[in-house]
Structure formats: structure tokens, C-alpha cells
Amino acid sequence: MTVLREEGDVRLDTSAPSRVSLRLGPDAGAAYLVLQDDASADRVETDFDIRLAAGASLEMVFLSLRGEVLRNRIRVSLDGERASCSLNGLCLAGGSQQRDFDILLTHQVPACHSTQLFKSILGGGSVAHFDGLIKVVPDAQKTEAYQANHNLLVSDSARAHTRPQLEIYADDVKCSHGATVGRLNPDELFYMRSRGITLEEARLLQQLAFADEILEKIPVPEWQQRMRILVEECLR
């Protein structure tokens, strides 16, 4: 996990290879990039336990690029008012690879904000699972929480299983969730081919455009550009 920014009281424990514990104190801020890119990895399963105090702000970007089976179990608790959390992820998979995200984000107190955006590009016979739950406890009024999962299938055998969920016990909230599973746009492919772009390159450009919304979430321009290059290498 690459530390992109840390401000204030941030405690990060990665001593256990399969577990990450992160605590942000009052008004602390942090940004992290989680890069999973080991082509030789047979199975990687990681648990993330995250808690935010009042006024804390967290940005995380997950890039699950290479490896046979990559599973991330993420538990986030917003424990103090005005805490905010942004979770974003991009999965690439082909062959018989599998990508799983299991997320529980709990709004424990009023006036907190959270966003989630996860995308997958799936080829071959690969499979992605997204299981995300936003929970708003009683009296956590003025909550704002948004969750989206979008999947692009670039082969007939690839599969995406998505289950975004809301569990709300307060009445003064703004919450939404959604999911899509789609394929490359044939009209866009036709347009690019009519301009002399090969079919292979046109397919690649569509996939890069789909991925870029996640890469733009990386707050450090240098790392953002490095990850664009890496993602393009993987897609090629």
C-alpha cells in the first residue's frame, strides 16, 4: 500500500500480511493507493479495518490488476461527526481470474459523507463479485452516502456479479446506490474504425476511457500518470 498523503493523527498497522488496520484521529487526513499487481500470485486475500474520528477524511484507491484470485474485505466505520470517506477501485481480469470486493461502510453518527465507485474490466472467462453495503444507524441524520459499481465485459464468457445495498435506520439522509454490467459500445467502435483506427486499438481506447474515471481519483499527479501507464500495459 502506497502512502500518498497523511496529515494529523494517522495510525496504520500493516504488520499482518493479510490485514490492514487504519485509524484516523480527529481532523486527520490521509490518501492511500492499494496496488495489487503480482502476476505470479495465486490467491491474495486482504482485510481492511478502518475507523474515522470526527472531521477525519480518507481517500483510498484500489487497483486490482494482476494475480489469479484477488479478494478484498473492507470494513469502514465513520465514528465521529463530519468524517468523510472516498473508496474507489478498478479491477482488471482475464482468463480464469477472479476479483472480489466485500464492503461494509457504516455511518455511526450524524453529518458524515461517503462515496464509493468501483469498476471492473473483464475478459476471457474471468469473474468479478461486488458485495457492498452502506449502513446508516438510528439517529445518524444528515448522512450523505453514495455507491456505484460498473462492469465492462469484453468477452462473451466473462461474468460480473454485483450487489449494492442500503440499510438505513434514519430518515434525514441522502443515499443512493447503483450498478451496471455492459459491453463495448459498437457505435463508438464503428466511429473510430471509420477514422482509420484499428479494431484492436479502438477496443483498447474504450477500455482506457472506462478506467480513467478511477485513475483520476489518485490525488498525486505523478502516481496518477504512472498508474495510467501500468493499466494500459495490462490491457494490452
C-alpha atoms as a PDB file:
ATOM      1  CA  MET A   1       0.000   0.000   0.000  1.00  0.00           C
ATOM      2  CA  THR A   2       1.460   3.335  -1.086  1.00  0.00           C
ATOM      3  CA  VAL A   3       1.019   6.336   1.212  1.00  0.00           C
ATOM      4  CA  LEU A   4       0.069   9.316  -0.930  1.00  0.00           C
ATOM      5  CA  ARG A   5      -0.727  11.726   1.899  1.00  0.00           C
ATOM      6  CA  GLU A   6      -1.002  11.690   5.681  1.00  0.00           C
ATOM      7  CA  GLU A   7      -1.934  14.630   7.891  1.00  0.00           C
ATOM      8  CA  GLY A   8      -2.615  14.662  11.619  1.00  0.00           C
ATOM      9  CA  ASP A   9      -3.064  11.609  13.825  1.00  0.00           C
ATOM     10  CA  VAL A  10      -2.976   8.645  11.457  1.00  0.00           C
ATOM     11  CA  ARG A  11      -2.179   5.148  12.721  1.00  0.00           C
ATOM     12  CA  LEU A  12      -1.557   2.483  10.135  1.00  0.00           C
ATOM     13  CA  ASP A  13      -0.808  -1.130  11.008  1.00  0.00           C
ATOM     14  CA  THR A  14       0.227  -3.499   8.203  1.00  0.00           C
ATOM     15  CA  SER A  15       2.237  -5.925  10.345  1.00  0.00           C
ATOM     16  CA  ALA A  16      -0.023  -8.848   9.389  1.00  0.00           C
ATOM     17  CA  PRO A  17       0.326  -9.602   5.657  1.00  0.00           C
ATOM     18  CA  SER A  18      -3.375 -10.278   5.225  1.00  0.00           C
ATOM     19  CA  ARG A  19      -4.706  -7.466   7.429  1.00  0.00           C
ATOM     20  CA  VAL A  20      -4.549  -3.676   7.316  1.00  0.00           C
ATOM     21  CA  SER A  21      -5.711  -1.623  10.304  1.00  0.00           C
ATOM     22  CA  LEU A  22      -6.153   2.120   9.824  1.00  0.00           C
ATOM     23  CA  ARG A  23      -7.191   4.721  12.397  1.00  0.00           C
ATOM     24  CA  LEU A  24      -7.648   8.419  11.657  1.00  0.00           C
ATOM     25  CA  GLY A  25      -7.860  10.774  14.614  1.00  0.00           C
ATOM     26  CA  PRO A  26      -9.907  13.984  14.818  1.00  0.00           C
ATOM     27  CA  ASP A  27      -9.477  16.178  11.709  1.00  0.00           C
ATOM     28  CA  ALA A  28      -6.750  13.904  10.317  1.00  0.00           C
ATOM     29  CA  GLY A  29      -6.465  13.311   6.577  1.00  0.00           C
ATOM     30  CA  ALA A  30      -4.932  10.516   4.533  1.00  0.00           C
ATOM     31  CA  ALA A  31      -4.800   9.171   0.982  1.00  0.00           C
ATOM     32  CA  TYR A  32      -3.640   5.680   0.000  1.00  0.00           C
ATOM     33  CA  LEU A  33      -3.148   3.677  -3.155  1.00  0.00           C
ATOM     34  CA  VAL A  34      -3.579  -0.093  -2.819  1.00  0.00           C
ATOM     35  CA  LEU A  35      -1.874  -1.762  -5.790  1.00  0.00           C
ATOM     36  CA  GLN A  36      -2.304  -5.496  -6.375  1.00  0.00           C
ATOM     37  CA  ASP A  37      -0.095  -6.341  -9.341  1.00  0.00           C
ATOM     38  CA  ASP A  38       1.693  -9.651  -8.860  1.00  0.00           C
ATOM     39  CA  ALA A  39       1.146 -11.867 -11.892  1.00  0.00           C
ATOM     40  CA  SER A  40       2.592 -14.862 -10.016  1.00  0.00           C
ATOM     41  CA  ALA A  41       0.140 -14.546  -7.088  1.00  0.00           C
ATOM     42  CA  ASP A  42      -2.242 -17.483  -6.889  1.00  0.00           C
ATOM     43  CA  ARG A  43      -4.517 -16.066  -4.186  1.00  0.00           C
ATOM     44  CA  VAL A  44      -4.385 -12.792  -2.253  1.00  0.00           C
ATOM     45  CA  GLU A  45      -6.980 -12.105   0.454  1.00  0.00           C
ATOM     46  CA  THR A  46      -6.753  -8.904   2.487  1.00  0.00           C
ATOM     47  CA  ASP A  47      -8.933  -7.490   5.282  1.00  0.00           C
ATOM     48  CA  PHE A  48      -9.084  -3.720   5.765  1.00  0.00           C
ATOM     49  CA  ASP A  49     -10.329  -2.435   9.145  1.00  0.00           C
ATOM     50  CA  ILE A  50     -10.805   1.357   9.015  1.00  0.00           C
ATOM     51  CA  ARG A  51     -12.164   3.831  11.585  1.00  0.00           C
ATOM     52  CA  LEU A  52     -12.505   7.598  11.254  1.00  0.00           C
ATOM     53  CA  ALA A  53     -12.899  10.094  14.106  1.00  0.00           C
ATOM     54  CA  ALA A  54     -14.679  13.452  13.933  1.00  0.00           C
ATOM     55  CA  GLY A  55     -13.661  15.579  10.964  1.00  0.00           C
ATOM     56  CA  ALA A  56     -11.289  12.946   9.550  1.00  0.00           C
ATOM     57  CA  SER A  57     -11.001  12.491   5.793  1.00  0.00           C
ATOM     58  CA  LEU A  58      -9.840   9.395   3.911  1.00  0.00           C
ATOM     59  CA  GLU A  59      -9.276   8.744   0.202  1.00  0.00           C
ATOM     60  CA  MET A  60      -8.416   5.217  -0.983  1.00  0.00           C
ATOM     61  CA  VAL A  61      -7.906   3.877  -4.487  1.00  0.00           C
ATOM     62  CA  PHE A  62      -7.668   0.114  -5.080  1.00  0.00           C
ATOM     63  CA  LEU A  63      -6.097  -1.205  -8.281  1.00  0.00           C
ATOM     64  CA  SER A  64      -6.511  -4.979  -8.597  1.00  0.00           C
ATOM     65  CA  LEU A  65      -4.597  -5.639 -11.796  1.00  0.00           C
ATOM     66  CA  ARG A  66      -2.664  -8.933 -11.907  1.00  0.00           C
ATOM     67  CA  GLY A  67      -2.988 -12.125  -9.898  1.00  0.00           C
ATOM     68  CA  GLU A  68      -5.215 -15.187 -10.143  1.00  0.00           C
ATOM     69  CA  VAL A  69      -7.639 -14.567  -7.246  1.00  0.00           C
ATOM     70  CA  LEU A  70      -7.745 -11.161  -5.508  1.00  0.00           C
ATOM     71  CA  ARG A  71     -10.174 -10.671  -2.633  1.00  0.00           C
ATOM     72  CA  ASN A  72     -10.575  -7.522  -0.551  1.00  0.00           C
ATOM     73  CA  ARG A  73     -12.789  -7.357   2.522  1.00  0.00           C
ATOM     74  CA  ILE A  74     -13.227  -3.729   3.607  1.00  0.00           C
ATOM     75  CA  ARG A  75     -14.867  -2.590   6.827  1.00  0.00           C
ATOM     76  CA  VAL A  76     -15.198   1.172   7.410  1.00  0.00           C
ATOM     77  CA  SER A  77     -16.747   2.844  10.441  1.00  0.00           C
ATOM     78  CA  LEU A  78     -17.382   6.596  10.495  1.00  0.00           C
ATOM     79  CA  ASP A  79     -17.269   7.197  14.233  1.00  0.00           C
ATOM     80  CA  GLY A  80     -17.169  10.996  14.503  1.00  0.00           C
ATOM     81  CA  GLU A  81     -19.326  13.735  13.020  1.00  0.00           C
ATOM     82  CA  ARG A  82     -18.163  15.337   9.752  1.00  0.00           C
ATOM     83  CA  ALA A  83     -15.979  12.346   8.871  1.00  0.00           C
ATOM     84  CA  SER A  84     -15.710  11.632   5.151  1.00  0.00           C
ATOM     85  CA  CYS A  85     -14.529   8.596   3.213  1.00  0.00           C
ATOM     86  CA  SER A  86     -13.969   8.028  -0.502  1.00  0.00           C
ATOM     87  CA  LEU A  87     -13.371   4.457  -1.709  1.00  0.00           C
ATOM     88  CA  ASN A  88     -12.568   3.819  -5.357  1.00  0.00           C
ATOM     89  CA  GLY A  89     -11.403   0.713  -7.177  1.00  0.00           C
ATOM     90  CA  LEU A  90     -10.510  -0.687 -10.588  1.00  0.00           C
ATOM     91  CA  CYS A  91     -10.294  -4.416 -11.376  1.00  0.00           C
ATOM     92  CA  LEU A  92      -8.759  -5.940 -14.490  1.00  0.00           C
ATOM     93  CA  ALA A  93      -9.117  -9.661 -15.120  1.00  0.00           C
ATOM     94  CA  GLY A  94      -8.808 -12.212 -17.894  1.00  0.00           C
ATOM     95  CA  GLY A  95      -8.558 -15.964 -18.339  1.00  0.00           C
ATOM     96  CA  SER A  96      -9.965 -17.698 -15.265  1.00  0.00           C
ATOM     97  CA  GLN A  97      -9.076 -14.888 -12.847  1.00  0.00           C
ATOM     98  CA  GLN A  98     -11.388 -13.705 -10.076  1.00  0.00           C
ATOM     99  CA  ARG A  99     -11.797 -10.309  -8.404  1.00  0.00           C
ATOM    100  CA  ASP A 100     -13.876  -9.825  -5.230  1.00  0.00           C
ATOM    101  CA  PHE A 101     -14.776  -6.756  -3.184  1.00  0.00           C
ATOM    102  CA  ASP A 102     -16.806  -7.186   0.005  1.00  0.00           C
ATOM    103  CA  ILE A 103     -17.527  -3.784   1.596  1.00  0.00           C
ATOM    104  CA  LEU A 104     -19.401  -2.705   4.706  1.00  0.00           C
ATOM    105  CA  LEU A 105     -19.373   1.042   5.348  1.00  0.00           C
ATOM    106  CA  THR A 106     -21.205   2.120   8.498  1.00  0.00           C
ATOM    107  CA  HIS A 107     -22.353   5.645   9.310  1.00  0.00           C
ATOM    108  CA  GLN A 108     -22.372   5.617  13.115  1.00  0.00           C
ATOM    109  CA  VAL A 109     -23.064   9.317  13.781  1.00  0.00           C
ATOM    110  CA  PRO A 110     -24.747  12.287  12.074  1.00  0.00           C
ATOM    111  CA  ALA A 111     -23.342  14.538   9.356  1.00  0.00           C
ATOM    112  CA  CYS A 112     -20.875  12.173   7.672  1.00  0.00           C
ATOM    113  CA  HIS A 113     -20.211  11.710   3.969  1.00  0.00           C
ATOM    114  CA  SER A 114     -19.093   8.676   1.961  1.00  0.00           C
ATOM    115  CA  THR A 115     -18.684   7.795  -1.706  1.00  0.00           C
ATOM    116  CA  GLN A 116     -17.831   4.517  -3.402  1.00  0.00           C
ATOM    117  CA  LEU A 117     -17.030   3.940  -7.062  1.00  0.00           C
ATOM    118  CA  PHE A 118     -15.761   0.539  -8.227  1.00  0.00           C
ATOM    119  CA  LYS A 119     -15.213  -0.590 -11.822  1.00  0.00           C
ATOM    120  CA  SER A 120     -14.170  -3.845 -13.495  1.00  0.00           C
ATOM    121  CA  ILE A 121     -12.927  -4.672 -16.991  1.00  0.00           C
ATOM    122  CA  LEU A 122     -13.340  -8.398 -17.540  1.00  0.00           C
ATOM    123  CA  GLY A 123     -12.165 -10.618 -20.379  1.00  0.00           C
ATOM    124  CA  GLY A 124     -11.745 -14.334 -21.016  1.00  0.00           C
ATOM    125  CA  GLY A 125     -13.708 -16.414 -18.533  1.00  0.00           C
ATOM    126  CA  SER A 126     -12.958 -14.117 -15.592  1.00  0.00           C
ATOM    127  CA  VAL A 127     -15.447 -13.352 -12.813  1.00  0.00           C
ATOM    128  CA  ALA A 128     -15.916 -10.308 -10.562  1.00  0.00           C
ATOM    129  CA  HIS A 129     -18.001 -10.098  -7.398  1.00  0.00           C
ATOM    130  CA  PHE A 130     -19.014  -6.827  -5.768  1.00  0.00           C
ATOM    131  CA  ASP A 131     -20.921  -7.018  -2.491  1.00  0.00           C
ATOM    132  CA  GLY A 132     -21.320  -3.574  -0.942  1.00  0.00           C
ATOM    133  CA  LEU A 133     -23.466  -2.445   1.977  1.00  0.00           C
ATOM    134  CA  ILE A 134     -23.942   1.079   3.291  1.00  0.00           C
ATOM    135  CA  LYS A 135     -25.430   1.020   6.779  1.00  0.00           C
ATOM    136  CA  VAL A 136     -26.864   4.127   8.434  1.00  0.00           C
ATOM    137  CA  VAL A 137     -27.605   3.563  12.122  1.00  0.00           C
ATOM    138  CA  PRO A 138     -30.514   5.167  14.005  1.00  0.00           C
ATOM    139  CA  ASP A 139     -30.034   8.918  14.630  1.00  0.00           C
ATOM    140  CA  ALA A 140     -27.203   9.214  12.057  1.00  0.00           C
ATOM    141  CA  GLN A 141     -29.107  12.093  10.473  1.00  0.00           C
ATOM    142  CA  LYS A 142     -27.721  14.335   7.695  1.00  0.00           C
ATOM    143  CA  THR A 143     -25.840  11.346   6.260  1.00  0.00           C
ATOM    144  CA  GLU A 144     -24.776  11.505   2.627  1.00  0.00           C
ATOM    145  CA  ALA A 145     -23.700   8.179   1.117  1.00  0.00           C
ATOM    146  CA  TYR A 146     -23.296   7.107  -2.497  1.00  0.00           C
ATOM    147  CA  GLN A 147     -22.217   3.776  -4.006  1.00  0.00           C
ATOM    148  CA  ALA A 148     -21.765   2.657  -7.614  1.00  0.00           C
ATOM    149  CA  ASN A 149     -20.358  -0.435  -9.296  1.00  0.00           C
ATOM    150  CA  HIS A 150     -19.851  -0.559 -13.071  1.00  0.00           C
ATOM    151  CA  ASN A 151     -18.591  -3.537 -15.048  1.00  0.00           C
ATOM    152  CA  LEU A 152     -17.361  -3.770 -18.638  1.00  0.00           C
ATOM    153  CA  LEU A 153     -17.379  -7.231 -20.213  1.00  0.00           C
ATOM    154  CA  VAL A 154     -15.002  -7.557 -23.180  1.00  0.00           C
ATOM    155  CA  SER A 155     -15.638 -11.251 -23.852  1.00  0.00           C
ATOM    156  CA  ASP A 156     -18.731 -13.447 -24.066  1.00  0.00           C
ATOM    157  CA  SER A 157     -17.581 -15.680 -21.195  1.00  0.00           C
ATOM    158  CA  ALA A 158     -16.745 -13.010 -18.597  1.00  0.00           C
ATOM    159  CA  ARG A 159     -19.196 -12.554 -15.731  1.00  0.00           C
ATOM    160  CA  ALA A 160     -19.904  -9.818 -13.172  1.00  0.00           C
ATOM    161  CA  HIS A 161     -21.997 -10.378 -10.050  1.00  0.00           C
ATOM    162  CA  THR A 162     -22.919  -7.158  -8.280  1.00  0.00           C
ATOM    163  CA  ARG A 163     -24.994  -6.471  -5.171  1.00  0.00           C
ATOM    164  CA  PRO A 164     -25.002  -2.865  -3.921  1.00  0.00           C
ATOM    165  CA  GLN A 165     -27.170  -2.442  -0.818  1.00  0.00           C
ATOM    166  CA  LEU A 166     -28.510   0.203   1.553  1.00  0.00           C
ATOM    167  CA  GLU A 167     -29.600  -0.413   5.140  1.00  0.00           C
ATOM    168  CA  ILE A 168     -30.971   2.839   6.550  1.00  0.00           C
ATOM    169  CA  TYR A 169     -32.428   3.477  10.008  1.00  0.00           C
ATOM    170  CA  ALA A 170     -32.509   7.291   9.869  1.00  0.00           C
ATOM    171  CA  ASP A 171     -34.937   9.455   7.927  1.00  0.00           C
ATOM    172  CA  ASP A 172     -33.000  12.654   7.127  1.00  0.00           C
ATOM    173  CA  VAL A 173     -30.401  11.237   4.746  1.00  0.00           C
ATOM    174  CA  LYS A 174     -29.257  11.386   1.111  1.00  0.00           C
ATOM    175  CA  CYS A 175     -28.240   7.924  -0.052  1.00  0.00           C
ATOM    176  CA  SER A 176     -28.113   6.153  -3.396  1.00  0.00           C
ATOM    177  CA  HIS A 177     -26.620   3.068  -4.991  1.00  0.00           C
ATOM    178  CA  GLY A 178     -26.464   1.559  -8.440  1.00  0.00           C
ATOM    179  CA  ALA A 179     -24.758  -0.967 -10.675  1.00  0.00           C
ATOM    180  CA  THR A 180     -24.294  -1.647 -14.382  1.00  0.00           C
ATOM    181  CA  VAL A 181     -22.956  -4.516 -16.465  1.00  0.00           C
ATOM    182  CA  GLY A 182     -22.288  -3.700 -20.104  1.00  0.00           C
ATOM    183  CA  ARG A 183     -20.149  -4.264 -23.170  1.00  0.00           C
ATOM    184  CA  LEU A 184     -18.081  -2.138 -25.537  1.00  0.00           C
ATOM    185  CA  ASN A 185     -20.106   0.424 -27.437  1.00  0.00           C
ATOM    186  CA  PRO A 186     -20.424  -0.732 -31.081  1.00  0.00           C
ATOM    187  CA  ASP A 187     -21.283   2.764 -32.361  1.00  0.00           C
ATOM    188  CA  GLU A 188     -18.120   4.196 -30.831  1.00  0.00           C
ATOM    189  CA  LEU A 189     -16.078   1.323 -32.254  1.00  0.00           C
ATOM    190  CA  PHE A 190     -17.551   1.955 -35.712  1.00  0.00           C
ATOM    191  CA  TYR A 191     -16.805   5.682 -35.470  1.00  0.00           C
ATOM    192  CA  MET A 192     -13.164   5.119 -34.501  1.00  0.00           C
ATOM    193  CA  ARG A 193     -12.667   2.495 -37.210  1.00  0.00           C
ATOM    194  CA  SER A 194     -14.109   4.904 -39.785  1.00  0.00           C
ATOM    195  CA  ARG A 195     -11.319   7.293 -38.770  1.00  0.00           C
ATOM    196  CA  GLY A 196      -8.642   4.721 -39.526  1.00  0.00           C
ATOM    197  CA  ILE A 197      -8.188   3.271 -36.038  1.00  0.00           C
ATOM    198  CA  THR A 198      -7.791  -0.500 -35.940  1.00  0.00           C
ATOM    199  CA  LEU A 199     -10.400  -2.580 -34.135  1.00  0.00           C
ATOM    200  CA  GLU A 200      -7.879  -3.676 -31.501  1.00  0.00           C
ATOM    201  CA  GLU A 201      -6.823  -0.101 -30.782  1.00  0.00           C
ATOM    202  CA  ALA A 202     -10.430   1.121 -30.720  1.00  0.00           C
ATOM    203  CA  ARG A 203     -11.321  -1.546 -28.149  1.00  0.00           C
ATOM    204  CA  LEU A 204      -8.328  -0.515 -26.058  1.00  0.00           C
ATOM    205  CA  LEU A 205      -9.266   3.185 -26.183  1.00  0.00           C
ATOM    206  CA  GLN A 206     -12.772   2.421 -24.936  1.00  0.00           C
ATOM    207  CA  GLN A 207     -11.383   0.408 -22.034  1.00  0.00           C
ATOM    208  CA  LEU A 208      -8.892   3.129 -21.097  1.00  0.00           C
ATOM    209  CA  ALA A 209     -11.664   5.728 -21.110  1.00  0.00           C
ATOM    210  CA  PHE A 210     -13.771   3.490 -18.852  1.00  0.00           C
ATOM    211  CA  ALA A 211     -10.853   3.051 -16.420  1.00  0.00           C
ATOM    212  CA  ASP A 212      -9.818   6.685 -16.336  1.00  0.00           C
ATOM    213  CA  GLU A 213     -12.628   7.781 -14.008  1.00  0.00           C
ATOM    214  CA  ILE A 214     -10.966   5.707 -11.274  1.00  0.00           C
ATOM    215  CA  LEU A 215      -7.406   6.739 -12.101  1.00  0.00           C
ATOM    216  CA  GLU A 216      -8.440  10.389 -11.829  1.00  0.00           C
ATOM    217  CA  LYS A 217      -9.207   9.732  -8.149  1.00  0.00           C
ATOM    218  CA  ILE A 218      -5.476   9.284  -7.413  1.00  0.00           C
ATOM    219  CA  PRO A 219      -4.626  12.655  -5.817  1.00  0.00           C
ATOM    220  CA  VAL A 220      -0.925  12.767  -6.757  1.00  0.00           C
ATOM    221  CA  PRO A 221      -0.381  13.582 -10.466  1.00  0.00           C
ATOM    222  CA  GLU A 222       2.887  11.651 -10.667  1.00  0.00           C
ATOM    223  CA  TRP A 223       1.282   8.470  -9.333  1.00  0.00           C
ATOM    224  CA  GLN A 224      -1.799   9.037 -11.464  1.00  0.00           C
ATOM    225  CA  GLN A 225       0.321   9.039 -14.634  1.00  0.00           C
ATOM    226  CA  ARG A 226       2.346   6.014 -13.530  1.00  0.00           C
ATOM    227  CA  MET A 227      -0.834   4.034 -12.926  1.00  0.00           C
ATOM    228  CA  ARG A 228      -2.260   5.053 -16.321  1.00  0.00           C
ATOM    229  CA  ILE A 229       0.817   3.598 -17.984  1.00  0.00           C
ATOM    230  CA  LEU A 230       0.576   0.418 -15.904  1.00  0.00           C
ATOM    231  CA  VAL A 231      -3.127  -0.071 -16.629  1.00  0.00           C
ATOM    232  CA  GLU A 232      -2.535   0.369 -20.354  1.00  0.00           C
ATOM    233  CA  GLU A 233       0.263  -2.214 -20.219  1.00  0.00           C
ATOM    234  CA  CYS A 234      -2.090  -4.680 -18.522  1.00  0.00           C
ATOM    235  CA  LEU A 235      -4.898  -4.099 -21.003  1.00  0.00           C
ATOM    236  CA  ARG A 236      -2.582  -4.538 -23.976  1.00  0.00           C
END
